[in-house]
PDB file of N, CA and C in Angstrom:
ATOM      1  N   UNK A   1       0.590 -23.894  -2.538  1.00  0.00           N
ATOM      2  CA  UNK A   1       0.020 -24.451  -4.345  1.00  0.00           C
ATOM      3  C   UNK A   1       1.079 -25.608  -4.512  1.00  0.00           C
ATOM      4  N   UNK A   2       0.986 -26.330  -5.394  1.00  0.00           N
ATOM      5  CA  UNK A   2       2.151 -27.352  -6.023  1.00  0.00           C
ATOM      6  C   UNK A   2       3.212 -27.265  -6.425  1.00  0.00           C
ATOM      7  N   UNK A   3       4.233 -27.954  -6.462  1.00  0.00           N
ATOM      8  CA  UNK A   3       5.364 -27.846  -6.760  1.00  0.00           C
ATOM      9  C   UNK A   3       5.391 -28.109  -8.916  1.00  0.00           C
ATOM     10  N   UNK A   4       6.318 -27.467  -9.306  1.00  0.00           N
ATOM     11  CA  UNK A   4       6.316 -27.736 -10.605  1.00  0.00           C
ATOM     12  C   UNK A   4       7.410 -28.785 -10.897  1.00  0.00           C
ATOM     13  N   UNK A   5       6.734 -29.935 -11.217  1.00  0.00           N
ATOM     14  CA  UNK A   5       8.002 -30.688 -12.197  1.00  0.00           C
ATOM     15  C   UNK A   5       9.358 -30.850 -12.556  1.00  0.00           C
ATOM     16  N   UNK A   6       9.935 -31.255 -12.990  1.00  0.00           N
ATOM     17  CA  UNK A   6      11.462 -31.369 -14.584  1.00  0.00           C
ATOM     18  C   UNK A   6      10.734 -29.915 -15.556  1.00  0.00           C
ATOM     19  N   UNK A   7       9.425 -31.517 -15.874  1.00  0.00           N
ATOM     20  CA  UNK A   7       9.010 -31.229 -17.760  1.00  0.00           C
ATOM     21  C   UNK A   7       8.033 -29.599 -17.253  1.00  0.00           C
ATOM     22  N   UNK A   8       7.645 -29.153 -16.122  1.00  0.00           N
ATOM     23  CA  UNK A   8       6.116 -28.538 -15.678  1.00  0.00           C
ATOM     24  C   UNK A   8       7.618 -26.856 -15.421  1.00  0.00           C
ATOM     25  N   UNK A   9       8.854 -26.940 -14.778  1.00  0.00           N
ATOM     26  CA  UNK A   9       9.873 -26.111 -14.882  1.00  0.00           C
ATOM     27  C   UNK A   9      10.827 -25.319 -16.310  1.00  0.00           C
ATOM     28  N   UNK A  10      11.122 -26.549 -16.629  1.00  0.00           N
ATOM     29  CA  UNK A  10      10.835 -26.583 -18.308  1.00  0.00           C
ATOM     30  C   UNK A  10      10.138 -25.499 -18.814  1.00  0.00           C
ATOM     31  N   UNK A  11       9.010 -26.162 -19.240  1.00  0.00           N
ATOM     32  CA  UNK A  11       8.054 -25.672 -19.879  1.00  0.00           C
ATOM     33  C   UNK A  11       7.801 -24.350 -19.123  1.00  0.00           C
ATOM     34  N   UNK A  12       7.552 -24.349 -18.453  1.00  0.00           N
ATOM     35  CA  UNK A  12       7.893 -22.463 -17.785  1.00  0.00           C
ATOM     36  C   UNK A  12       9.091 -21.598 -17.848  1.00  0.00           C
ATOM     37  N   UNK A  13      10.290 -22.331 -18.421  1.00  0.00           N
ATOM     38  CA  UNK A  13      11.752 -21.526 -18.132  1.00  0.00           C
ATOM     39  C   UNK A  13      10.979 -20.849 -20.171  1.00  0.00           C
ATOM     40  N   UNK A  14      10.865 -22.142 -20.341  1.00  0.00           N
ATOM     41  CA  UNK A  14      10.783 -21.801 -21.549  1.00  0.00           C
ATOM     42  C   UNK A  14      10.242 -19.751 -22.594  1.00  0.00           C
ATOM     43  N   UNK A  15       9.010 -19.547 -21.262  1.00  0.00           N
ATOM     44  CA  UNK A  15       8.756 -18.812 -22.021  1.00  0.00           C
ATOM     45  C   UNK A  15       9.402 -17.804 -21.133  1.00  0.00           C
ATOM     46  N   UNK A  16      10.019 -18.002 -20.344  1.00  0.00           N
ATOM     47  CA  UNK A  16      11.043 -16.720 -19.698  1.00  0.00           C
ATOM     48  C   UNK A  16      12.849 -17.090 -20.302  1.00  0.00           C
ATOM     49  N   UNK A  17      13.314 -16.207 -20.752  1.00  0.00           N
ATOM     50  CA  UNK A  17      13.851 -16.831 -21.306  1.00  0.00           C
ATOM     51  C   UNK A  17      15.496 -16.575 -21.036  1.00  0.00           C
ATOM     52  N   UNK A  18      14.960 -15.276 -19.801  1.00  0.00           N
ATOM     53  CA  UNK A  18      16.507 -15.223 -18.764  1.00  0.00           C
ATOM     54  C   UNK A  18      16.424 -15.492 -17.596  1.00  0.00           C
ATOM     55  N   UNK A  19      15.574 -16.945 -17.765  1.00  0.00           N
ATOM     56  CA  UNK A  19      15.907 -17.224 -16.208  1.00  0.00           C
ATOM     57  C   UNK A  19      16.404 -18.784 -16.680  1.00  0.00           C
ATOM     58  N   UNK A  20      16.810 -19.206 -15.356  1.00  0.00           N
ATOM     59  CA  UNK A  20      17.324 -20.657 -15.493  1.00  0.00           C
ATOM     60  C   UNK A  20      16.928 -21.327 -14.074  1.00  0.00           C
ATOM     61  N   UNK A  21      17.460 -23.085 -14.036  1.00  0.00           N
ATOM     62  CA  UNK A  21      17.086 -23.252 -12.688  1.00  0.00           C
ATOM     63  C   UNK A  21      16.452 -24.200 -13.458  1.00  0.00           C
ATOM     64  N   UNK A  22      16.117 -24.859 -11.839  1.00  0.00           N
ATOM     65  CA  UNK A  22      15.365 -26.213 -11.799  1.00  0.00           C
ATOM     66  C   UNK A  22      14.027 -26.405 -10.691  1.00  0.00           C
ATOM     67  N   UNK A  23      13.982 -27.752 -10.483  1.00  0.00           N
ATOM     68  CA  UNK A  23      12.797 -27.778  -9.690  1.00  0.00           C
ATOM     69  C   UNK A  23      13.120 -26.885  -7.620  1.00  0.00           C
ATOM     70  N   UNK A  24      14.680 -26.613  -7.655  1.00  0.00           N
ATOM     71  CA  UNK A  24      14.806 -26.463  -6.295  1.00  0.00           C
ATOM     72  C   UNK A  24      14.503 -24.566  -6.203  1.00  0.00           C
ATOM     73  N   UNK A  25      14.551 -23.805  -7.724  1.00  0.00           N
ATOM     74  CA  UNK A  25      14.753 -22.696  -7.685  1.00  0.00           C
ATOM     75  C   UNK A  25      14.878 -22.376  -9.034  1.00  0.00           C
ATOM     76  N   UNK A  26      14.457 -21.340  -9.967  1.00  0.00           N
ATOM     77  CA  UNK A  26      15.257 -20.410 -10.943  1.00  0.00           C
ATOM     78  C   UNK A  26      15.942 -19.366 -10.430  1.00  0.00           C
ATOM     79  N   UNK A  27      16.517 -18.518 -11.319  1.00  0.00           N
ATOM     80  CA  UNK A  27      17.325 -17.737 -11.493  1.00  0.00           C
ATOM     81  C   UNK A  27      17.558 -16.837 -12.187  1.00  0.00           C
ATOM     82  N   UNK A  28      17.778 -15.257 -12.444  1.00  0.00           N
ATOM     83  CA  UNK A  28      18.025 -14.410 -13.746  1.00  0.00           C
ATOM     84  C   UNK A  28      18.536 -13.348 -12.769  1.00  0.00           C
ATOM     85  N   UNK A  29      20.293 -12.591 -13.722  1.00  0.00           N
ATOM     86  CA  UNK A  29      20.889 -11.705 -13.311  1.00  0.00           C
ATOM     87  C   UNK A  29      20.393 -10.608 -14.340  1.00  0.00           C
ATOM     88  N   UNK A  30      20.060 -10.000 -13.556  1.00  0.00           N
ATOM     89  CA  UNK A  30      19.868  -8.290 -14.089  1.00  0.00           C
ATOM     90  C   UNK A  30      21.201  -7.343 -14.318  1.00  0.00           C
ATOM     91  N   UNK A  31      21.318  -7.165 -15.591  1.00  0.00           N
ATOM     92  CA  UNK A  31      22.495  -6.240 -15.840  1.00  0.00           C
ATOM     93  C   UNK A  31      22.406  -4.865 -15.820  1.00  0.00           C
ATOM     94  N   UNK A  32      22.244  -3.734 -15.032  1.00  0.00           N
ATOM     95  CA  UNK A  32      20.991  -2.289 -15.398  1.00  0.00           C
ATOM     96  C   UNK A  32      22.577  -1.580 -15.713  1.00  0.00           C
ATOM     97  N   UNK A  33      21.470  -0.810 -16.417  1.00  0.00           N
ATOM     98  CA  UNK A  33      22.517   0.343 -17.034  1.00  0.00           C
ATOM     99  C   UNK A  33      23.593   1.212 -16.106  1.00  0.00           C
ATOM    100  N   UNK A  34      23.521   1.432 -14.903  1.00  0.00           N
ATOM    101  CA  UNK A  34      24.227   1.886 -13.531  1.00  0.00           C
ATOM    102  C   UNK A  34      23.464   1.942 -12.234  1.00  0.00           C
ATOM    103  N   UNK A  35      24.752   2.144 -11.167  1.00  0.00           N
ATOM    104  CA  UNK A  35      24.013   1.281  -9.968  1.00  0.00           C
ATOM    105  C   UNK A  35      22.429   1.930  -9.229  1.00  0.00           C
ATOM    106  N   UNK A  36      22.559   2.775 -10.322  1.00  0.00           N
ATOM    107  CA  UNK A  36      20.823   3.669  -9.763  1.00  0.00           C
ATOM    108  C   UNK A  36      19.632   2.970  -9.909  1.00  0.00           C
ATOM    109  N   UNK A  37      20.106   2.713 -10.895  1.00  0.00           N
ATOM    110  CA  UNK A  37      19.213   1.433 -11.655  1.00  0.00           C
ATOM    111  C   UNK A  37      18.689   0.595 -11.458  1.00  0.00           C
ATOM    112  N   UNK A  38      19.725  -0.035 -11.449  1.00  0.00           N
ATOM    113  CA  UNK A  38      20.321  -1.385 -10.740  1.00  0.00           C
ATOM    114  C   UNK A  38      18.689  -1.183  -8.945  1.00  0.00           C
ATOM    115  N   UNK A  39      19.024  -0.425  -8.186  1.00  0.00           N
ATOM    116  CA  UNK A  39      18.707   0.030  -7.111  1.00  0.00           C
ATOM    117  C   UNK A  39      17.303   0.397  -7.126  1.00  0.00           C
ATOM    118  N   UNK A  40      16.680   1.217  -8.397  1.00  0.00           N
ATOM    119  CA  UNK A  40      15.136   1.275  -8.896  1.00  0.00           C
ATOM    120  C   UNK A  40      14.179  -0.180  -9.110  1.00  0.00           C
ATOM    121  N   UNK A  41      15.093  -0.618  -9.712  1.00  0.00           N
ATOM    122  CA  UNK A  41      14.876  -1.880  -9.930  1.00  0.00           C
ATOM    123  C   UNK A  41      14.874  -2.858  -8.589  1.00  0.00           C
ATOM    124  N   UNK A  42      15.306  -3.384  -8.174  1.00  0.00           N
ATOM    125  CA  UNK A  42      15.016  -4.049  -6.885  1.00  0.00           C
ATOM    126  C   UNK A  42      13.686  -2.768  -6.103  1.00  0.00           C
ATOM    127  N   UNK A  43      14.065  -2.021  -5.772  1.00  0.00           N
ATOM    128  CA  UNK A  43      12.985  -1.033  -5.376  1.00  0.00           C
ATOM    129  C   UNK A  43      11.499  -1.865  -5.695  1.00  0.00           C
ATOM    130  N   UNK A  44      11.424  -1.218  -7.286  1.00  0.00           N
ATOM    131  CA  UNK A  44      10.247  -2.245  -7.728  1.00  0.00           C
ATOM    132  C   UNK A  44       9.757  -3.521  -7.622  1.00  0.00           C
ATOM    133  N   UNK A  45      10.854  -4.086  -7.797  1.00  0.00           N
ATOM    134  CA  UNK A  45      10.750  -5.717  -7.698  1.00  0.00           C
ATOM    135  C   UNK A  45      10.001  -5.669  -5.924  1.00  0.00           C
ATOM    136  N   UNK A  46      10.954  -4.911  -5.293  1.00  0.00           N
ATOM    137  CA  UNK A  46      10.685  -5.372  -3.440  1.00  0.00           C
ATOM    138  C   UNK A  46       9.108  -4.841  -3.337  1.00  0.00           C
ATOM    139  N   UNK A  47       8.457  -4.084  -3.977  1.00  0.00           N
ATOM    140  CA  UNK A  47       7.091  -3.562  -3.668  1.00  0.00           C
ATOM    141  C   UNK A  47       5.723  -4.800  -4.353  1.00  0.00           C
ATOM    142  N   UNK A  48       6.115  -5.589  -5.469  1.00  0.00           N
ATOM    143  CA  UNK A  48       5.762  -6.492  -6.051  1.00  0.00           C
ATOM    144  C   UNK A  48       5.910  -7.662  -5.372  1.00  0.00           C
ATOM    145  N   UNK A  49       6.262  -7.984  -4.974  1.00  0.00           N
ATOM    146  CA  UNK A  49       6.393  -8.857  -4.028  1.00  0.00           C
ATOM    147  C   UNK A  49       6.060  -8.822  -2.787  1.00  0.00           C
ATOM    148  N   UNK A  50       5.934  -8.242  -2.100  1.00  0.00           N
ATOM    149  CA  UNK A  50       5.377  -6.939  -1.028  1.00  0.00           C
ATOM    150  C   UNK A  50       3.652  -7.921  -1.305  1.00  0.00           C
ATOM    151  N   UNK A  51       3.784  -7.561  -2.207  1.00  0.00           N
ATOM    152  CA  UNK A  51       1.336  -6.460  -3.087  1.00  0.00           C
ATOM    153  C   UNK A  51       2.007  -8.397  -2.915  1.00  0.00           C
ATOM    154  N   UNK A  52       2.376  -9.448  -3.722  1.00  0.00           N
ATOM    155  CA  UNK A  52       2.436 -11.115  -4.074  1.00  0.00           C
ATOM    156  C   UNK A  52       2.733 -11.924  -3.521  1.00  0.00           C
ATOM    157  N   UNK A  53       3.518 -11.212  -1.440  1.00  0.00           N
ATOM    158  CA  UNK A  53       3.598 -12.024  -0.178  1.00  0.00           C
ATOM    159  C   UNK A  53       4.696 -12.743  -0.728  1.00  0.00           C
ATOM    160  N   UNK A  54       5.387 -13.543  -1.807  1.00  0.00           N
ATOM    161  CA  UNK A  54       6.170 -13.731  -2.285  1.00  0.00           C
ATOM    162  C   UNK A  54       7.616 -12.923  -2.514  1.00  0.00           C
ATOM    163  N   UNK A  55       8.315 -13.180  -1.736  1.00  0.00           N
ATOM    164  CA  UNK A  55       9.867 -12.822  -1.311  1.00  0.00           C
ATOM    165  C   UNK A  55      10.656 -13.616  -2.071  1.00  0.00           C
ATOM    166  N   UNK A  56      11.862 -12.709  -3.285  1.00  0.00           N
ATOM    167  CA  UNK A  56      12.957 -13.675  -3.724  1.00  0.00           C
ATOM    168  C   UNK A  56      13.938 -13.022  -3.317  1.00  0.00           C
ATOM    169  N   UNK A  57      14.903 -13.882  -3.436  1.00  0.00           N
ATOM    170  CA  UNK A  57      16.281 -13.730  -2.472  1.00  0.00           C
ATOM    171  C   UNK A  57      17.017 -12.688  -3.682  1.00  0.00           C
ATOM    172  N   UNK A  58      17.516 -11.173  -2.951  1.00  0.00           N
ATOM    173  CA  UNK A  58      18.121 -10.869  -3.780  1.00  0.00           C
ATOM    174  C   UNK A  58      19.696 -10.365  -3.543  1.00  0.00           C
ATOM    175  N   UNK A  59      20.321 -10.450  -4.746  1.00  0.00           N
ATOM    176  CA  UNK A  59      22.015 -10.208  -4.348  1.00  0.00           C
ATOM    177  C   UNK A  59      22.400  -9.105  -5.212  1.00  0.00           C
ATOM    178  N   UNK A  60      23.071  -8.113  -4.933  1.00  0.00           N
ATOM    179  CA  UNK A  60      23.565  -6.896  -5.320  1.00  0.00           C
ATOM    180  C   UNK A  60      24.336  -6.491  -5.950  1.00  0.00           C
ATOM    181  N   UNK A  61      25.401  -6.240  -6.564  1.00  0.00           N
ATOM    182  CA  UNK A  61      26.597  -6.590  -7.249  1.00  0.00           C
ATOM    183  C   UNK A  61      26.546  -5.273  -8.026  1.00  0.00           C
ATOM    184  N   UNK A  62      27.200  -4.122  -7.420  1.00  0.00           N
ATOM    185  CA  UNK A  62      26.956  -2.989  -8.585  1.00  0.00           C
ATOM    186  C   UNK A  62      26.154  -2.900  -8.778  1.00  0.00           C
ATOM    187  N   UNK A  63      26.513  -2.970 -10.588  1.00  0.00           N
ATOM    188  CA  UNK A  63      25.384  -2.305 -11.379  1.00  0.00           C
ATOM    189  C   UNK A  63      24.412  -4.311 -11.883  1.00  0.00           C
ATOM    190  N   UNK A  64      24.560  -4.997 -11.444  1.00  0.00           N
ATOM    191  CA  UNK A  64      24.406  -6.706 -11.316  1.00  0.00           C
ATOM    192  C   UNK A  64      23.532  -7.077 -10.086  1.00  0.00           C
ATOM    193  N   UNK A  65      22.190  -7.347 -10.318  1.00  0.00           N
ATOM    194  CA  UNK A  65      21.455  -7.786  -9.854  1.00  0.00           C
ATOM    195  C   UNK A  65      21.010  -9.118  -9.907  1.00  0.00           C
ATOM    196  N   UNK A  66      21.028 -10.539  -9.297  1.00  0.00           N
ATOM    197  CA  UNK A  66      20.328 -11.325  -9.214  1.00  0.00           C
ATOM    198  C   UNK A  66      19.228 -12.101  -8.133  1.00  0.00           C
ATOM    199  N   UNK A  67      18.008 -12.223  -9.256  1.00  0.00           N
ATOM    200  CA  UNK A  67      16.885 -12.437  -8.282  1.00  0.00           C
ATOM    201  C   UNK A  67      17.117 -14.141  -8.572  1.00  0.00           C
ATOM    202  N   UNK A  68      16.587 -14.570  -7.290  1.00  0.00           N
ATOM    203  CA  UNK A  68      16.311 -16.621  -7.058  1.00  0.00           C
ATOM    204  C   UNK A  68      15.188 -16.626  -6.523  1.00  0.00           C
ATOM    205  N   UNK A  69      14.357 -17.070  -7.332  1.00  0.00           N
ATOM    206  CA  UNK A  69      13.070 -17.325  -6.739  1.00  0.00           C
ATOM    207  C   UNK A  69      13.022 -19.207  -6.087  1.00  0.00           C
ATOM    208  N   UNK A  70      11.755 -19.251  -5.388  1.00  0.00           N
ATOM    209  CA  UNK A  70      11.648 -20.929  -4.660  1.00  0.00           C
ATOM    210  C   UNK A  70      10.775 -20.424  -3.516  1.00  0.00           C
ATOM    211  N   UNK A  71       9.748 -21.228  -4.147  1.00  0.00           N
ATOM    212  CA  UNK A  71       8.758 -20.954  -2.661  1.00  0.00           C
ATOM    213  C   UNK A  71       8.832 -22.195  -1.503  1.00  0.00           C
ATOM    214  N   UNK A  72       9.641 -21.194  -0.146  1.00  0.00           N
ATOM    215  CA  UNK A  72      10.304 -21.941   0.088  1.00  0.00           C
ATOM    216  C   UNK A  72       9.421 -22.508   1.549  1.00  0.00           C
ATOM    217  N   UNK A  73       8.251 -22.694   1.754  1.00  0.00           N
ATOM    218  CA  UNK A  73       7.269 -23.000   2.377  1.00  0.00           C
ATOM    219  C   UNK A  73       6.932 -24.490   1.174  1.00  0.00           C
ATOM    220  N   UNK A  74       7.436 -24.447   0.269  1.00  0.00           N
ATOM    221  CA  UNK A  74       6.874 -26.113  -0.457  1.00  0.00           C
ATOM    222  C   UNK A  74       7.960 -26.436  -1.173  1.00  0.00           C
ATOM    223  N   UNK A  75       9.108 -25.985  -0.757  1.00  0.00           N
ATOM    224  CA  UNK A  75      10.128 -26.911  -1.079  1.00  0.00           C
ATOM    225  C   UNK A  75      10.537 -26.876  -2.557  1.00  0.00           C
ATOM    226  N   UNK A  76       9.972 -25.826  -2.799  1.00  0.00           N
ATOM    227  CA  UNK A  76      10.826 -25.593  -4.594  1.00  0.00           C
ATOM    228  C   UNK A  76       9.856 -24.822  -5.239  1.00  0.00           C
ATOM    229  N   UNK A  77       9.875 -24.653  -6.845  1.00  0.00           N
ATOM    230  CA  UNK A  77       9.235 -24.002  -8.053  1.00  0.00           C
ATOM    231  C   UNK A  77       7.853 -24.172  -7.877  1.00  0.00           C
ATOM    232  N   UNK A  78       6.851 -23.064  -7.806  1.00  0.00           N
ATOM    233  CA  UNK A  78       5.837 -23.360  -8.093  1.00  0.00           C
ATOM    234  C   UNK A  78       5.241 -22.755  -8.872  1.00  0.00           C
ATOM    235  N   UNK A  79       3.956 -22.227  -8.863  1.00  0.00           N
ATOM    236  CA  UNK A  79       3.259 -21.075 -10.287  1.00  0.00           C
ATOM    237  C   UNK A  79       3.708 -19.992  -9.311  1.00  0.00           C
ATOM    238  N   UNK A  80       3.296 -19.480  -7.801  1.00  0.00           N
ATOM    239  CA  UNK A  80       4.208 -17.758  -7.859  1.00  0.00           C
ATOM    240  C   UNK A  80       5.868 -17.433  -8.329  1.00  0.00           C
ATOM    241  N   UNK A  81       6.850 -18.266  -8.265  1.00  0.00           N
ATOM    242  CA  UNK A  81       8.033 -18.032  -8.881  1.00  0.00           C
ATOM    243  C   UNK A  81       7.666 -17.595 -10.290  1.00  0.00           C
ATOM    244  N   UNK A  82       7.040 -18.523 -10.666  1.00  0.00           N
ATOM    245  CA  UNK A  82       6.550 -18.374 -12.226  1.00  0.00           C
ATOM    246  C   UNK A  82       6.195 -16.816 -12.545  1.00  0.00           C
ATOM    247  N   UNK A  83       4.756 -17.091 -12.152  1.00  0.00           N
ATOM    248  CA  UNK A  83       4.514 -15.108 -12.361  1.00  0.00           C
ATOM    249  C   UNK A  83       5.407 -14.159 -11.812  1.00  0.00           C
ATOM    250  N   UNK A  84       5.946 -14.771 -10.468  1.00  0.00           N
ATOM    251  CA  UNK A  84       6.928 -13.172 -10.178  1.00  0.00           C
ATOM    252  C   UNK A  84       7.777 -12.971 -11.075  1.00  0.00           C
ATOM    253  N   UNK A  85       8.478 -13.993 -11.716  1.00  0.00           N
ATOM    254  CA  UNK A  85      10.011 -13.367 -12.340  1.00  0.00           C
ATOM    255  C   UNK A  85       9.118 -13.687 -14.237  1.00  0.00           C
ATOM    256  N   UNK A  86       7.521 -12.758 -13.789  1.00  0.00           N
ATOM    257  CA  UNK A  86       7.164 -12.522 -14.774  1.00  0.00           C
ATOM    258  C   UNK A  86       7.242 -11.224 -14.802  1.00  0.00           C
ATOM    259  N   UNK A  87       7.048 -10.768 -13.570  1.00  0.00           N
ATOM    260  CA  UNK A  87       6.829  -9.092 -13.091  1.00  0.00           C
ATOM    261  C   UNK A  87       7.926  -8.702 -12.918  1.00  0.00           C
ATOM    262  N   UNK A  88       9.032  -9.658 -12.495  1.00  0.00           N
ATOM    263  CA  UNK A  88      10.396  -8.821 -12.452  1.00  0.00           C
ATOM    264  C   UNK A  88      10.866  -8.973 -14.121  1.00  0.00           C
ATOM    265  N   UNK A  89      10.847  -9.699 -15.036  1.00  0.00           N
ATOM    266  CA  UNK A  89      11.023  -9.231 -16.548  1.00  0.00           C
ATOM    267  C   UNK A  89      10.307  -8.404 -16.861  1.00  0.00           C
ATOM    268  N   UNK A  90       8.861  -7.494 -16.139  1.00  0.00           N
ATOM    269  CA  UNK A  90       8.588  -6.134 -16.904  1.00  0.00           C
ATOM    270  C   UNK A  90       9.172  -5.643 -16.333  1.00  0.00           C
ATOM    271  N   UNK A  91       9.638  -5.044 -15.179  1.00  0.00           N
ATOM    272  CA  UNK A  91      10.177  -4.036 -14.161  1.00  0.00           C
ATOM    273  C   UNK A  91      11.358  -4.259 -14.816  1.00  0.00           C
ATOM    274  N   UNK A  92      12.136  -5.189 -15.213  1.00  0.00           N
ATOM    275  CA  UNK A  92      13.507  -4.869 -15.905  1.00  0.00           C
ATOM    276  C   UNK A  92      13.585  -4.114 -17.394  1.00  0.00           C
ATOM    277  N   UNK A  93      12.148  -4.371 -17.863  1.00  0.00           N
ATOM    278  CA  UNK A  93      12.359  -3.805 -19.206  1.00  0.00           C
ATOM    279  C   UNK A  93      11.858  -2.610 -18.988  1.00  0.00           C
ATOM    280  N   UNK A  94      11.392  -1.932 -18.136  1.00  0.00           N
ATOM    281  CA  UNK A  94      10.596  -0.717 -18.248  1.00  0.00           C
ATOM    282  C   UNK A  94      11.710  -0.090 -17.638  1.00  0.00           C
ATOM    283  N   UNK A  95      12.859  -0.755 -17.126  1.00  0.00           N
ATOM    284  CA  UNK A  95      14.253   0.237 -16.452  1.00  0.00           C
ATOM    285  C   UNK A  95      15.503   0.336 -17.265  1.00  0.00           C
ATOM    286  N   UNK A  96      15.159  -0.677 -18.761  1.00  0.00           N
ATOM    287  CA  UNK A  96      15.789  -0.233 -19.663  1.00  0.00           C
ATOM    288  C   UNK A  96      17.054  -0.750 -19.598  1.00  0.00           C
ATOM    289  N   UNK A  97      17.114  -1.525 -18.291  1.00  0.00           N
ATOM    290  CA  UNK A  97      18.218  -2.681 -17.979  1.00  0.00           C
ATOM    291  C   UNK A  97      17.986  -4.430 -18.933  1.00  0.00           C
ATOM    292  N   UNK A  98      18.945  -5.296 -18.996  1.00  0.00           N
ATOM    293  CA  UNK A  98      18.906  -6.378 -19.770  1.00  0.00           C
ATOM    294  C   UNK A  98      19.020  -7.609 -19.054  1.00  0.00           C
TER     295      UNK A  98
END
């Protein structure tokens, strides 16, 4: 899968308002209403990531969970990262987090 250039990342992030980043990676921090909801979000994202064979870096800090996406085999952000970011957004919404 092809790497996105600066314009490609900027355009993709315009449709993902909770995400930020550049051509090296994109990230989002989720604020869950409580610790267990944060863990449920991580579980759901892990299942989606496994199904997509594309795995984010995940940092859990009590109710705050940060997801960082990059296609390591390509050395930066690709369409796979943008797709998984959209899936993560859906999971976050379903779990009433922000």
